[in-house]
Every structure is written in structure tokens, then in C-alpha cells.
N, C-alpha and C. Protein backbone atom coordinates (compact mmCIF):
# COMPACT_ATOMS: atom_id res chain seq x y z
N MET A 1 100.52 121.61 101.72
CA MET A 1 99.89 122.53 102.14
C MET A 1 100.86 123.39 101.67
N ALA A 2 100.49 124.62 100.76
CA ALA A 2 100.71 125.81 100.60
C ALA A 2 101.91 126.65 101.53
N ASP A 3 102.90 127.29 101.88
CA ASP A 3 103.65 127.85 102.46
C ASP A 3 102.74 129.45 102.96
N VAL A 4 102.01 129.57 103.84
CA VAL A 4 101.18 130.99 104.22
C VAL A 4 102.21 131.87 104.40
N LYS A 5 103.60 131.87 104.58
CA LYS A 5 104.54 133.13 104.52
C LYS A 5 104.55 133.60 102.74
N GLY A 6 105.06 131.93 102.49
CA GLY A 6 105.40 132.23 100.98
C GLY A 6 103.89 132.93 99.62
N THR A 7 102.74 133.02 100.65
CA THR A 7 101.75 133.94 99.85
C THR A 7 101.63 135.55 100.05
N LEU A 8 102.41 135.96 100.95
CA LEU A 8 102.46 137.15 101.42
C LEU A 8 103.64 138.08 100.70
N PRO A 9 103.59 139.17 100.87
CA PRO A 9 105.16 139.97 100.60
C PRO A 9 105.89 139.53 101.77
N PRO A 10 106.82 139.75 101.49
CA PRO A 10 108.36 139.03 102.34
C PRO A 10 108.30 140.43 103.75
N PHE A 11 107.99 141.59 103.42
CA PHE A 11 108.04 142.09 104.70
C PHE A 11 106.85 142.23 105.68
N VAL A 12 106.19 141.35 105.26
CA VAL A 12 104.94 140.83 106.13
C VAL A 12 105.62 139.67 106.76
N SER A 13 105.89 138.71 106.46
CA SER A 13 106.23 137.55 107.23
C SER A 13 107.73 138.14 108.02
N ARG A 14 108.45 139.34 107.57
CA ARG A 14 109.73 139.36 108.14
C ARG A 14 109.39 139.73 109.70
N GLY A 15 108.27 140.81 109.99
CA GLY A 15 108.10 140.79 111.63
C GLY A 15 108.02 140.19 112.67
N ARG A 16 108.74 140.12 113.42
CA ARG A 16 109.33 139.15 114.65
C ARG A 16 107.60 138.82 115.18
N VAL A 17 106.51 139.82 115.55
CA VAL A 17 104.83 139.21 116.08
C VAL A 17 104.18 138.28 114.60
N MET A 18 104.41 139.11 113.40
CA MET A 18 103.60 138.58 111.98
C MET A 18 104.70 137.27 112.06
N GLY A 19 105.45 137.22 111.66
CA GLY A 19 106.56 135.77 111.50
C GLY A 19 105.82 134.99 112.31
N ALA A 20 106.03 135.16 113.74
CA ALA A 20 105.51 133.92 114.50
C ALA A 20 103.86 133.61 114.91
N LEU A 21 102.72 134.74 114.18
CA LEU A 21 101.13 134.19 113.54
C LEU A 21 101.25 133.56 112.78
N LEU A 22 102.26 133.79 111.64
CA LEU A 22 101.99 132.82 110.18
C LEU A 22 102.49 131.30 110.27
N ASP A 23 103.85 131.36 111.29
CA ASP A 23 103.91 130.13 111.77
C ASP A 23 103.47 129.39 112.80
N SER A 24 102.43 129.82 113.77
CA SER A 24 101.25 129.26 114.04
C SER A 24 100.20 128.89 113.33
N ALA A 25 100.02 130.13 112.45
CA ALA A 25 98.72 129.72 111.44
C ALA A 25 99.24 128.18 111.05
N GLN A 26 100.46 128.20 110.13
CA GLN A 26 100.96 127.28 109.35
C GLN A 26 100.71 125.65 109.87
N SER A 27 101.14 125.53 111.41
CA SER A 27 100.88 124.64 111.85
C SER A 27 99.32 123.94 112.02
N GLU A 28 98.27 125.14 112.68
CA GLU A 28 97.18 124.79 112.51
C GLU A 28 96.55 124.13 110.98
N LEU A 29 97.03 125.24 109.91
CA LEU A 29 96.18 124.81 109.02
C LEU A 29 96.64 123.43 108.54
N GLU A 30 98.15 122.97 108.61
CA GLU A 30 98.35 121.23 108.13
C GLU A 30 97.96 120.41 109.50
N ALA A 31 97.68 120.90 109.99
CA ALA A 31 96.59 119.89 111.17
C ALA A 31 95.20 119.73 110.37
N LEU A 32 95.05 121.06 110.00
CA LEU A 32 93.00 120.99 109.65
C LEU A 32 93.28 120.26 108.21
N GLU A 33 94.37 120.65 107.30
CA GLU A 33 94.35 119.73 105.82
C GLU A 33 94.08 118.34 106.58
N SER A 34 95.42 117.59 107.14
CA SER A 34 95.17 116.11 107.55
C SER A 34 93.73 115.70 108.19
N GLU A 35 93.30 116.50 109.08
CA GLU A 35 91.70 115.97 109.61
C GLU A 35 90.61 115.83 108.48
N ALA A 36 91.07 117.37 107.27
CA ALA A 36 90.03 116.99 106.33
C ALA A 36 90.33 115.88 105.29
N ARG A 37 91.55 115.99 105.27
CA ARG A 37 91.62 114.51 104.39
C ARG A 37 91.25 113.34 105.05
N ALA A 38 92.08 113.17 106.30
CA ALA A 38 91.01 111.84 106.82
C ALA A 38 89.72 111.67 106.52
N ALA A 39 88.82 113.04 106.91
CA ALA A 39 87.13 112.81 107.08
C ALA A 39 86.80 112.33 105.87
N ALA A 40 87.23 112.86 104.70
CA ALA A 40 86.99 112.67 103.61
C ALA A 40 87.63 110.98 102.81
N CYS A 41 88.41 110.79 103.14
CA CYS A 41 88.57 109.33 103.63
C CYS A 41 87.56 108.47 103.90
N ARG A 42 87.56 108.61 105.41
CA ARG A 42 86.31 107.98 105.65
C ARG A 42 84.65 108.24 105.11
N MET A 43 84.78 109.14 104.39
CA MET A 43 83.65 109.48 103.92
C MET A 43 82.91 109.06 102.37
N ALA A 44 84.13 108.93 101.64
CA ALA A 44 83.84 108.37 100.19
C ALA A 44 83.73 107.62 99.85
N ALA A 45 82.65 107.04 99.01
CA ALA A 45 82.30 105.87 98.72
C ALA A 45 83.08 104.78 98.82
N GLY A 46 84.18 104.98 97.90
CA GLY A 46 84.99 103.66 97.97
C GLY A 46 85.93 103.74 98.94
N THR A 47 86.40 104.37 100.25
CA THR A 47 86.90 103.94 101.19
C THR A 47 86.34 104.22 102.49
N ALA A 48 84.97 104.05 102.61
CA ALA A 48 84.50 104.73 103.83
C ALA A 48 84.45 104.02 104.58
N ASP A 49 84.20 104.31 106.21
CA ASP A 49 84.44 103.16 107.22
C ASP A 49 82.89 102.57 107.79
N GLU A 50 83.05 101.84 108.27
CA GLU A 50 81.16 101.52 109.13
C GLU A 50 80.19 102.84 109.13
N LYS A 51 81.20 103.93 109.31
CA LYS A 51 79.82 104.91 110.35
C LYS A 51 80.15 105.71 108.68
N GLY A 52 80.70 105.73 107.69
CA GLY A 52 80.74 106.54 106.28
C GLY A 52 79.93 105.21 105.57
N LEU A 53 80.08 104.00 105.90
CA LEU A 53 78.81 103.69 104.67
C LEU A 53 77.59 103.47 105.38
N ALA A 54 77.60 103.99 106.32
CA ALA A 54 75.95 103.87 107.24
C ALA A 54 75.35 104.73 106.71
N LEU A 55 76.09 106.14 106.44
CA LEU A 55 75.52 107.49 106.17
C LEU A 55 75.11 107.02 104.30
N TRP A 56 76.09 106.54 103.94
CA TRP A 56 75.81 105.89 102.72
C TRP A 56 74.44 105.17 102.27
N GLU A 57 74.56 104.50 102.85
CA GLU A 57 73.24 103.18 102.85
C GLU A 57 72.07 104.25 103.07
N GLU A 58 71.81 105.12 103.90
CA GLU A 58 70.95 105.97 104.61
C GLU A 58 70.60 106.69 103.62
N GLU A 59 71.09 107.57 102.93
CA GLU A 59 70.92 108.65 101.65
C GLU A 59 70.73 107.62 100.61
N LEU A 60 71.23 106.33 100.54
CA LEU A 60 70.60 106.23 99.31
C LEU A 60 69.79 104.84 99.09
N GLY A 61 69.54 104.80 100.44
CA GLY A 61 67.55 104.18 100.79
C GLY A 61 68.02 102.86 100.53
N LEU A 62 69.04 102.39 101.28
CA LEU A 62 69.79 100.96 101.13
C LEU A 62 69.68 100.25 102.60
N ASP A 63 69.14 99.35 102.52
CA ASP A 63 69.24 98.47 104.50
C ASP A 63 70.91 98.53 104.27
N GLU A 64 71.08 98.91 105.82
CA GLU A 64 71.75 98.46 106.49
C GLU A 64 72.77 97.42 106.55
N ARG A 65 73.76 96.97 106.21
CA ARG A 65 73.83 96.01 105.83
C ARG A 65 75.13 95.17 106.67
N GLY A 66 74.88 95.33 108.09
CA GLY A 66 75.77 94.72 109.00
C GLY A 66 76.55 93.21 109.02
N ASP A 67 75.90 92.86 108.18
CA ASP A 67 76.16 91.22 107.91
C ASP A 67 77.00 91.48 107.77
N LEU A 68 77.31 92.24 106.06
CA LEU A 68 78.34 92.04 105.11
C LEU A 68 79.61 92.68 106.06
N PRO A 69 80.92 92.34 105.11
CA PRO A 69 82.14 92.99 105.40
C PRO A 69 82.08 94.25 104.76
N LEU A 70 83.07 94.85 104.94
CA LEU A 70 83.16 96.62 104.79
C LEU A 70 83.13 96.96 103.15
N GLU A 71 83.71 95.34 102.97
CA GLU A 71 84.26 95.87 101.30
C GLU A 71 82.38 95.38 100.42
N GLY A 72 82.35 94.57 101.51
CA GLY A 72 80.76 94.25 100.21
C GLY A 72 79.78 95.49 100.85
N ARG A 73 79.69 96.18 102.12
CA ARG A 73 78.62 97.06 101.70
C ARG A 73 79.33 97.98 100.96
N ARG A 74 80.31 98.03 100.60
CA ARG A 74 81.26 99.77 99.51
C ARG A 74 80.74 98.69 98.27
N ALA A 75 80.68 97.88 97.87
CA ALA A 75 80.15 97.11 96.18
C ALA A 75 78.87 97.60 96.43
N LEU A 76 78.17 97.16 97.23
CA LEU A 76 76.51 97.82 97.11
C LEU A 76 76.45 99.33 97.10
N VAL A 77 77.07 99.90 98.13
CA VAL A 77 77.08 101.53 97.66
C VAL A 77 77.24 101.71 96.40
N LEU A 78 78.71 101.72 95.74
CA LEU A 78 79.03 101.84 94.79
C LEU A 78 78.22 101.90 93.61
N ALA A 79 77.48 100.29 93.70
CA ALA A 79 76.62 100.14 92.37
C ALA A 79 75.50 100.49 92.65
N ALA A 80 74.93 101.39 93.44
CA ALA A 80 73.97 102.14 93.84
C ALA A 80 74.12 103.29 93.17
N LEU A 81 75.65 103.90 93.37
CA LEU A 81 75.46 105.17 93.04
C LEU A 81 76.15 104.91 91.68
N ASP A 82 76.08 103.88 90.49
CA ASP A 82 76.73 103.62 89.35
C ASP A 82 75.41 103.70 88.21
N GLN A 83 74.14 102.99 89.34
CA GLN A 83 72.75 102.81 89.02
C GLN A 83 72.14 104.45 88.77
N MET A 84 72.87 105.50 89.91
CA MET A 84 71.88 107.00 89.48
C MET A 84 72.45 107.20 88.54
N GLU A 85 73.96 107.03 87.89
CA GLU A 85 73.79 107.39 86.74
C GLU A 85 73.49 107.29 85.08
């Protein structure tokens, strides 16, 4: 994550109040980025968890294959996506 203070002119971040606000914003932005990366990993077809695969299967009109291991379900989703191209 980019340094929030580094994106602003130095006089803005030198102030006691603005410096504290920007430090707080930086930690919140880092937490948000971490959560966004985790969500993307859970939802990306190649790395989706069980919930993400169920959403892909529904979107692609596939049967939800809870009887298969996650790797098998991912392979079916990826194959269906490949056929769409």
C-alpha cells in the first residue's frame, strides 16, 4: 500500500492533527487492502473457497458439486470459463 503521507505535500502531513489523521487512515487502508486481497483470493475461480465456488457454479449454470473435492470443483469451473472464450 502506498504511503498516504507520501502522496501529499510535506506541509500537509507535518501538522500534528493532520499527521495523526493520516497515520490512522494509513492503518485503516492497509487493513482494507488486506481484506480485499483475501476476498479476491476466496472469489477468484482458480483459488475460490467453497462459498466462492458455489457462486461460480450458480453463475455458470453448473450443478453444485459438493460431492467433489474443491480442486475438482475448481477444475470444472475453470473448464466452463475456458469454453466461454
